């Protein structure tokens, strides 16, 4: 038998907006356990636009305002932090971009809009038609499955073992989450965007606790950012937890902080001439460097680096096709570099990325931010 449970924010208020920090405290009755993968964040989303004259009003649905199709409502959540029994087990910055990368692995744009799992998360290229909402006061309802470690556990979370579970999220800015499709018009009618979230709750399913001495393994993600400013780049990460994959996506600094640009894009890096993965200075897991023409090998290894995340963990069906291995999508917002590794810990991971000397897209003129995600796990 299953039971439904929910928690409202501990810092409850009527509406939440940019940069707010929201904390949920999960409490289960004695003798229950939280079903693995059952957590969801639910609420309502209301969007507003501000004209150049400074007049703010709700959107009407004709402005072409969109969320990134692979990220959906996750776009509003910048950072997440998870604690179990007062111990921090995961602290993930740039959470929304990671969700976008995993969705690109699991779906193509076509399968996004034909899979009902994504509809409640406002994913897909048609989300502009949903954002106006059907509730004049609250906007559009949503229900999203957060990509956090306690929602990616190897077994149910028993109340006797995890008495205190706390989930904290920080909201991002509207310019990070939203954009106006079609580019900047000659005479702009929108100077800025804003949003409100209301009726937020964290929900989950419970069953009767089954005593077990087996450890629970949590899939954790850590993030850091480095900047590419030249043609030869050594991107280095030290993993403090056990890990098995490294995934990276890119965004030009000139592309961010504009309501006419999609800030969740995984931008294409042209003219990559060589890529080599090193562990503690030794070639691994590939015993060779990827050289020109390298984009097919890059896409394949990037795809494999995300293959133990998302739907693979939850046992959900993925689309028959994905966006990473498609050349057109890869060159238009679904590009990345990564590799799966043998399980290890406390290693120095290095990616040597070389760009062709004759490129017309020299990072020295337009630096590129590199978002690095390490796929790890801890056992409790």
Protein backbone atom coordinates (compact mmCIF):
# COMPACT_ATOMS: atom_id res chain seq x y z
CA UNK A 1 0.00 0.00 0.00
CA UNK A 2 1.24 3.48 -0.87
CA UNK A 3 0.63 6.76 0.94
CA UNK A 4 0.87 10.35 -0.29
CA UNK A 5 2.72 12.94 1.79
CA UNK A 6 3.77 16.54 1.26
CA UNK A 7 5.62 19.44 2.85
CA UNK A 8 5.27 23.17 2.43
CA UNK A 9 8.30 25.48 2.64
CA UNK A 10 9.50 26.21 6.16
CA UNK A 11 9.81 29.86 5.11
CA UNK A 12 6.27 29.87 3.74
CA UNK A 13 4.92 32.96 2.02
CA UNK A 14 2.32 33.76 -0.59
CA UNK A 15 4.68 34.22 -3.54
CA UNK A 16 8.32 33.50 -4.35
CA UNK A 17 10.46 35.19 -6.97
CA UNK A 18 14.04 35.86 -8.09
CA UNK A 19 16.85 34.79 -5.73
CA UNK A 20 14.51 33.53 -3.00
CA UNK A 21 15.80 30.61 -0.94
CA UNK A 22 13.16 27.94 -0.25
CA UNK A 23 13.59 25.11 2.26
CA UNK A 24 11.48 21.97 2.52
CA UNK A 25 11.68 19.69 5.57
CA UNK A 26 10.49 16.15 4.93
CA UNK A 27 8.88 14.37 7.86
CA UNK A 28 7.62 10.82 7.65
CA UNK A 29 5.54 8.95 10.23
CA UNK A 30 7.27 6.19 12.15
CA UNK A 31 7.32 2.93 10.22
CA UNK A 32 7.25 4.51 6.75
CA UNK A 33 9.77 4.88 3.96
CA UNK A 34 9.94 7.32 1.05
CA UNK A 35 9.69 5.56 -2.28
CA UNK A 36 12.79 6.00 -4.41
CA UNK A 37 12.31 8.54 -7.21
CA UNK A 38 8.88 9.73 -6.04
CA UNK A 39 9.75 13.31 -5.01
CA UNK A 40 8.13 16.16 -6.95
CA UNK A 41 8.01 19.94 -6.55
CA UNK A 42 4.58 21.32 -7.40
CA UNK A 43 3.17 24.82 -7.70
CA UNK A 44 1.97 27.59 -9.98
CA UNK A 45 4.00 29.87 -12.28
CA UNK A 46 2.94 33.41 -13.23
CA UNK A 47 4.95 35.51 -15.71
CA UNK A 48 5.11 39.30 -16.08
CA UNK A 49 6.62 41.67 -18.64
CA UNK A 50 7.82 45.26 -18.23
CA UNK A 51 7.58 47.71 -21.12
CA UNK A 52 10.27 50.30 -21.95
CA UNK A 53 7.97 52.83 -20.25
CA UNK A 54 8.26 50.88 -17.00
CA UNK A 55 4.73 49.42 -16.98
CA UNK A 56 4.54 45.86 -15.62
CA UNK A 57 1.70 43.55 -16.67
CA UNK A 58 0.99 39.80 -16.98
CA UNK A 59 2.00 38.25 -20.29
CA UNK A 60 -0.79 37.59 -22.79
CA UNK A 61 0.79 34.65 -24.66
CA UNK A 62 1.57 36.50 -27.90
CA UNK A 63 5.04 37.77 -26.97
CA UNK A 64 6.95 34.59 -27.89
CA UNK A 65 8.28 34.19 -24.33
CA UNK A 66 9.74 30.73 -23.79
CA UNK A 67 11.53 28.41 -21.42
CA UNK A 68 14.38 26.31 -22.75
CA UNK A 69 12.66 23.30 -24.29
CA UNK A 70 14.93 20.77 -22.55
CA UNK A 71 14.79 22.42 -19.12
CA UNK A 72 11.21 23.57 -18.73
CA UNK A 73 10.20 24.81 -15.29
CA UNK A 74 13.51 23.56 -13.84
CA UNK A 75 14.97 26.74 -15.40
CA UNK A 76 13.85 28.80 -12.40
CA UNK A 77 15.88 26.73 -9.91
CA UNK A 78 19.50 27.90 -9.86
CA UNK A 79 21.03 25.92 -6.98
CA UNK A 80 20.01 22.97 -4.81
CA UNK A 81 21.25 21.68 -1.47
CA UNK A 82 20.30 18.39 0.21
CA UNK A 83 20.98 17.35 3.80
CA UNK A 84 20.32 14.03 5.52
CA UNK A 85 20.38 13.93 9.33
CA UNK A 86 22.07 17.38 9.34
CA UNK A 87 24.79 16.21 6.92
CA UNK A 88 25.08 17.88 3.53
CA UNK A 89 25.19 15.12 0.91
CA UNK A 90 24.83 17.22 -2.23
CA UNK A 91 25.25 20.89 -3.13
CA UNK A 92 24.65 21.53 -6.81
CA UNK A 93 25.14 24.90 -8.49
CA UNK A 94 23.79 25.60 -11.98
CA UNK A 95 21.19 22.90 -11.45
CA UNK A 96 18.99 23.91 -14.39
CA UNK A 97 21.77 23.52 -16.97
CA UNK A 98 22.43 19.99 -15.75
CA UNK A 99 18.74 19.13 -16.24
CA UNK A 100 18.98 20.46 -19.80
CA UNK A 101 22.01 18.26 -20.54
CA UNK A 102 20.30 15.14 -19.17
CA UNK A 103 17.13 15.87 -21.16
CA UNK A 104 19.18 16.22 -24.34
CA UNK A 105 20.57 12.76 -23.62
CA UNK A 106 17.13 11.24 -23.00
CA UNK A 107 15.04 12.95 -25.70
CA UNK A 108 14.98 14.57 -29.09
CA UNK A 109 12.85 17.73 -29.50
CA UNK A 110 10.18 15.58 -31.16
CA UNK A 111 10.00 13.06 -28.32
CA UNK A 112 9.93 15.87 -25.73
CA UNK A 113 6.55 17.10 -26.91
CA UNK A 114 5.07 13.63 -27.42
CA UNK A 115 5.96 12.26 -23.96
CA UNK A 116 3.46 13.09 -21.22
CA UNK A 117 6.21 12.84 -18.58
CA UNK A 118 7.48 16.20 -19.82
CA UNK A 119 4.17 18.04 -20.11
CA UNK A 120 3.83 18.81 -16.39
CA UNK A 121 7.41 20.12 -16.37
CA UNK A 122 6.60 22.60 -19.19
CA UNK A 123 9.27 21.11 -21.46
CA UNK A 124 9.16 21.09 -25.25
CA UNK A 125 9.33 23.64 -28.05
CA UNK A 126 5.65 24.52 -27.63
CA UNK A 127 5.85 25.71 -24.02
CA UNK A 128 5.35 29.32 -25.14
CA UNK A 129 1.68 28.46 -25.64
CA UNK A 130 1.37 27.17 -22.06
CA UNK A 131 3.06 29.92 -20.08
CA UNK A 132 0.09 32.27 -20.13
CA UNK A 133 -1.72 29.70 -17.97
CA UNK A 134 -5.39 29.03 -17.40
CA UNK A 135 -5.60 30.61 -13.93
CA UNK A 136 -5.85 34.40 -14.10
CA UNK A 137 -4.41 34.80 -10.61
CA UNK A 138 -1.82 32.02 -10.34
CA UNK A 139 -0.86 31.29 -13.95
CA UNK A 140 0.08 27.78 -15.06
CA UNK A 141 0.32 24.75 -12.76
CA UNK A 142 3.46 22.59 -12.86
CA UNK A 143 4.86 19.44 -11.29
CA UNK A 144 8.54 18.64 -11.73
CA UNK A 145 10.75 15.72 -10.73
CA UNK A 146 13.89 17.26 -9.17
CA UNK A 147 17.26 15.83 -10.22
CA UNK A 148 18.63 15.70 -6.67
CA UNK A 149 20.43 12.85 -4.93
CA UNK A 150 17.61 11.75 -2.60
CA UNK A 151 15.40 11.37 -5.66
CA UNK A 152 18.05 9.14 -7.25
CA UNK A 153 18.60 6.57 -4.51
CA UNK A 154 19.22 2.87 -4.95
CA UNK A 155 16.48 2.00 -2.45
CA UNK A 156 13.62 3.57 -0.52
CA UNK A 157 14.58 6.01 2.26
CA UNK A 158 13.46 4.54 5.59
CA UNK A 159 12.27 6.88 8.34
CA UNK A 160 14.25 4.96 10.99
CA UNK A 161 17.46 5.63 9.07
CA UNK A 162 16.77 9.12 7.71
CA UNK A 163 14.82 10.99 10.37
CA UNK A 164 15.63 14.43 8.98
CA UNK A 165 15.61 15.16 5.23
CA UNK A 166 15.96 18.76 4.12
CA UNK A 167 15.84 20.10 0.57
CA UNK A 168 16.83 23.72 -0.12
CA UNK A 169 16.56 25.44 -3.49
CA UNK A 170 17.57 28.91 -4.61
CA UNK A 171 15.62 30.54 -7.41
CA UNK A 172 17.45 32.20 -10.29
CA UNK A 173 16.73 35.39 -12.19
CA UNK A 174 14.11 35.68 -14.91
CA UNK A 175 16.75 36.47 -17.53
CA UNK A 176 18.42 33.12 -16.77
CA UNK A 177 15.20 31.14 -17.14
CA UNK A 178 13.20 32.95 -19.82
CA UNK A 179 13.85 34.40 -23.25
CA UNK A 180 11.92 36.05 -26.07
CA UNK A 181 12.12 33.98 -29.25
CA UNK A 182 12.89 35.56 -32.61
CA UNK A 183 15.73 37.86 -31.59
CA UNK A 184 15.71 41.49 -30.56
CA UNK A 185 13.26 43.57 -32.63
CA UNK A 186 14.10 46.97 -34.09
CA UNK A 187 11.71 48.56 -31.62
CA UNK A 188 11.65 46.47 -28.41
CA UNK A 189 8.34 46.27 -26.58
CA UNK A 190 9.71 44.40 -23.56
CA UNK A 191 12.54 45.71 -21.41
CA UNK A 192 12.52 42.97 -18.74
CA UNK A 193 10.70 39.85 -17.54
CA UNK A 194 9.77 38.66 -14.06
CA UNK A 195 7.98 35.72 -12.49
CA UNK A 196 6.20 34.48 -9.37
CA UNK A 197 5.89 30.96 -7.95
CA UNK A 198 3.01 30.22 -5.60
CA UNK A 199 1.43 27.29 -3.72
CA UNK A 200 4.79 25.49 -3.65
CA UNK A 201 5.00 22.07 -2.07
CA UNK A 202 7.31 19.07 -2.03
CA UNK A 203 5.39 15.80 -2.42
CA UNK A 204 6.41 12.15 -2.26
CA UNK A 205 5.02 8.64 -1.96
CA UNK A 206 5.50 6.41 1.08
CA UNK A 207 5.17 2.71 1.82
CA UNK A 208 5.46 0.71 5.02
CA UNK A 209 9.07 0.44 6.10
CA UNK A 210 10.86 -2.82 5.34
CA UNK A 211 13.86 -3.25 7.69
CA UNK A 212 17.15 -3.63 5.82
CA UNK A 213 20.84 -3.43 6.67
CA UNK A 214 21.83 -2.80 3.06
CA UNK A 215 23.44 0.61 2.42
CA UNK A 216 21.57 3.16 0.31
CA UNK A 217 23.56 4.59 -2.61
CA UNK A 218 22.79 8.16 -3.71
CA UNK A 219 23.72 9.49 -7.14
CA UNK A 220 25.29 12.92 -6.53
CA UNK A 221 26.29 15.67 -8.94
CA UNK A 222 28.90 18.37 -8.30
CA UNK A 223 29.55 21.42 -10.46
CA UNK A 224 32.24 23.96 -11.11
CA UNK A 225 32.86 26.58 -13.79
CA UNK A 226 36.06 27.37 -15.65
CA UNK A 227 36.59 29.86 -18.46
CA UNK A 228 38.15 29.11 -21.83
CA UNK A 229 40.15 32.11 -23.03
CA UNK A 230 42.61 30.61 -25.51
CA UNK A 231 43.20 27.91 -28.11
CA UNK A 232 44.91 25.40 -25.79
CA UNK A 233 42.98 24.62 -22.62
CA UNK A 234 43.55 22.28 -19.69
CA UNK A 235 40.34 21.86 -17.73
CA UNK A 236 41.03 20.22 -14.35
CA UNK A 237 38.75 18.84 -11.65
CA UNK A 238 39.56 16.96 -8.45
CA UNK A 239 36.80 14.59 -7.36
CA UNK A 240 36.37 14.35 -3.60
CA UNK A 241 33.68 11.65 -3.84
CA UNK A 242 33.52 8.42 -5.79
CA UNK A 243 32.74 9.24 -9.43
CA UNK A 244 32.19 7.53 -12.76
CA UNK A 245 31.64 10.30 -15.33
CA UNK A 246 32.47 13.88 -16.26
CA UNK A 247 30.24 16.03 -18.50
CA UNK A 248 30.77 19.59 -19.72
CA UNK A 249 28.70 22.12 -21.64
CA UNK A 250 29.63 25.57 -22.89
CA UNK A 251 28.21 29.09 -23.12
CA UNK A 252 29.83 32.21 -24.58
CA UNK A 253 29.94 35.05 -22.10
CA UNK A 254 28.59 37.44 -24.72
CA UNK A 255 25.40 35.34 -24.96
CA UNK A 256 24.27 35.60 -21.34
CA UNK A 257 22.12 38.11 -19.50
CA UNK A 258 19.89 39.05 -22.40
CA UNK A 259 16.15 38.35 -22.60
CA UNK A 260 16.61 37.65 -26.31
CA UNK A 261 19.09 34.80 -25.76
CA UNK A 262 18.43 31.34 -24.35
CA UNK A 263 20.80 31.17 -21.38
CA UNK A 264 20.40 27.39 -21.05
CA UNK A 265 21.85 26.58 -24.48
CA UNK A 266 24.74 24.13 -24.60
CA UNK A 267 26.58 26.11 -27.26
CA UNK A 268 28.64 24.56 -30.01
CA UNK A 269 32.41 25.13 -29.93
CA UNK A 270 33.63 25.20 -33.55
CA UNK A 271 36.99 24.02 -34.86
CA UNK A 272 37.99 21.67 -32.03
CA UNK A 273 41.20 20.04 -33.26
CA UNK A 274 42.05 17.71 -30.37
CA UNK A 275 40.56 16.44 -27.12
CA UNK A 276 42.26 14.21 -24.59
CA UNK A 277 40.97 12.83 -21.27
CA UNK A 278 43.51 12.28 -18.48
CA UNK A 279 43.26 10.81 -14.99
CA UNK A 280 46.19 11.75 -12.74
CA UNK A 281 48.15 12.66 -15.87
CA UNK A 282 47.60 9.32 -17.63
CA UNK A 283 45.43 8.72 -20.71
CA UNK A 284 42.16 7.25 -19.44
CA UNK A 285 39.54 6.05 -20.04
CA UNK A 286 40.45 6.52 -23.70
CA UNK A 287 43.95 5.37 -24.53
CA UNK A 288 44.13 7.86 -27.41
CA UNK A 289 43.47 11.52 -28.10
CA UNK A 290 40.43 12.43 -30.19
CA UNK A 291 41.71 14.31 -33.23
CA UNK A 292 40.24 15.92 -36.35
CA UNK A 293 37.59 15.11 -37.45
CA UNK A 294 36.59 14.72 -33.83
CA UNK A 295 32.95 15.70 -33.44
CA UNK A 296 31.53 12.20 -33.89
CA UNK A 297 33.78 10.79 -31.15
CA UNK A 298 33.12 13.79 -28.93
CA UNK A 299 29.36 13.34 -29.24
CA UNK A 300 29.55 9.59 -28.55
CA UNK A 301 31.66 9.97 -25.41
CA UNK A 302 29.58 12.92 -24.16
CA UNK A 303 26.45 10.81 -24.60
CA UNK A 304 28.01 7.95 -22.62
CA UNK A 305 29.00 10.33 -19.81
CA UNK A 306 25.30 11.05 -19.19
CA UNK A 307 24.08 7.48 -19.60
CA UNK A 308 23.89 6.78 -15.85
CA UNK A 309 21.67 9.80 -15.14
CA UNK A 310 18.05 10.83 -15.63
CA UNK A 311 15.71 8.20 -17.03
CA UNK A 312 18.36 5.48 -16.70
CA UNK A 313 18.28 5.83 -12.90
CA UNK A 314 14.50 6.12 -12.63
CA UNK A 315 13.85 3.23 -15.01
CA UNK A 316 11.76 5.47 -17.24
CA UNK A 317 11.57 5.11 -21.02
CA UNK A 318 13.77 7.45 -23.03
CA UNK A 319 13.02 8.64 -26.51
CA UNK A 320 14.05 6.39 -29.37
CA UNK A 321 16.34 9.21 -30.51
CA UNK A 322 18.39 11.76 -28.61
CA UNK A 323 19.66 15.26 -29.32
CA UNK A 324 23.35 14.78 -28.57
CA UNK A 325 24.13 12.30 -31.36
CA UNK A 326 22.24 14.33 -33.96
CA UNK A 327 24.65 16.60 -35.85
CA UNK A 328 22.13 19.40 -36.42
CA UNK A 329 21.05 19.52 -32.78
CA UNK A 330 24.62 19.19 -31.56
CA UNK A 331 25.61 22.27 -33.55
CA UNK A 332 22.53 24.17 -32.38
CA UNK A 333 22.42 24.06 -28.61
CA UNK A 334 23.06 20.41 -27.64
CA UNK A 335 26.85 20.24 -27.72
CA UNK A 336 29.09 19.00 -24.94
CA UNK A 337 32.28 17.16 -24.05
CA UNK A 338 32.52 14.32 -21.57
CA UNK A 339 33.47 10.76 -20.82
CA UNK A 340 32.52 7.86 -18.59
CA UNK A 341 35.26 6.56 -16.26
CA UNK A 342 35.97 3.52 -14.16
CA UNK A 343 34.70 4.05 -10.61
CA UNK A 344 37.31 5.87 -8.56
CA UNK A 345 37.82 8.61 -5.95
CA UNK A 346 40.20 11.50 -5.14
CA UNK A 347 41.51 11.60 -8.70
CA UNK A 348 42.68 14.60 -10.69
CA UNK A 349 40.60 14.66 -13.86
CA UNK A 350 41.88 16.66 -16.81
CA UNK A 351 40.44 17.46 -20.22
CA UNK A 352 42.93 18.88 -22.72
CA UNK A 353 40.93 20.75 -25.36
CA UNK A 354 42.68 22.31 -28.35
CA UNK A 355 41.00 24.62 -30.86
CA UNK A 356 42.35 25.10 -34.40
CA UNK A 357 44.76 28.02 -34.80
CA UNK A 358 42.84 29.30 -37.84
CA UNK A 359 39.45 29.45 -36.15
CA UNK A 360 37.28 32.49 -36.67
CA UNK A 361 35.88 31.97 -33.16
CA UNK A 362 38.93 32.59 -30.98
CA UNK A 363 37.94 32.45 -27.29
CA UNK A 364 40.39 35.24 -26.52
CA UNK A 365 37.98 37.64 -28.22
CA UNK A 366 34.86 36.04 -26.76
CA UNK A 367 35.57 33.90 -23.66
CA UNK A 368 33.56 30.71 -23.17
CA UNK A 369 32.27 29.53 -19.80
CA UNK A 370 32.70 25.79 -19.30
CA UNK A 371 30.18 24.17 -16.93
CA UNK A 372 31.67 20.98 -15.50
CA UNK A 373 29.53 18.31 -13.83
CA UNK A 374 30.99 15.28 -12.08
CA UNK A 375 28.67 12.30 -11.70
CA UNK A 376 29.39 10.66 -8.34
CA UNK A 377 27.79 8.61 -5.63
CA UNK A 378 27.89 8.12 -1.87
CA UNK A 379 26.81 5.15 0.22
CA UNK A 380 24.92 5.64 3.49
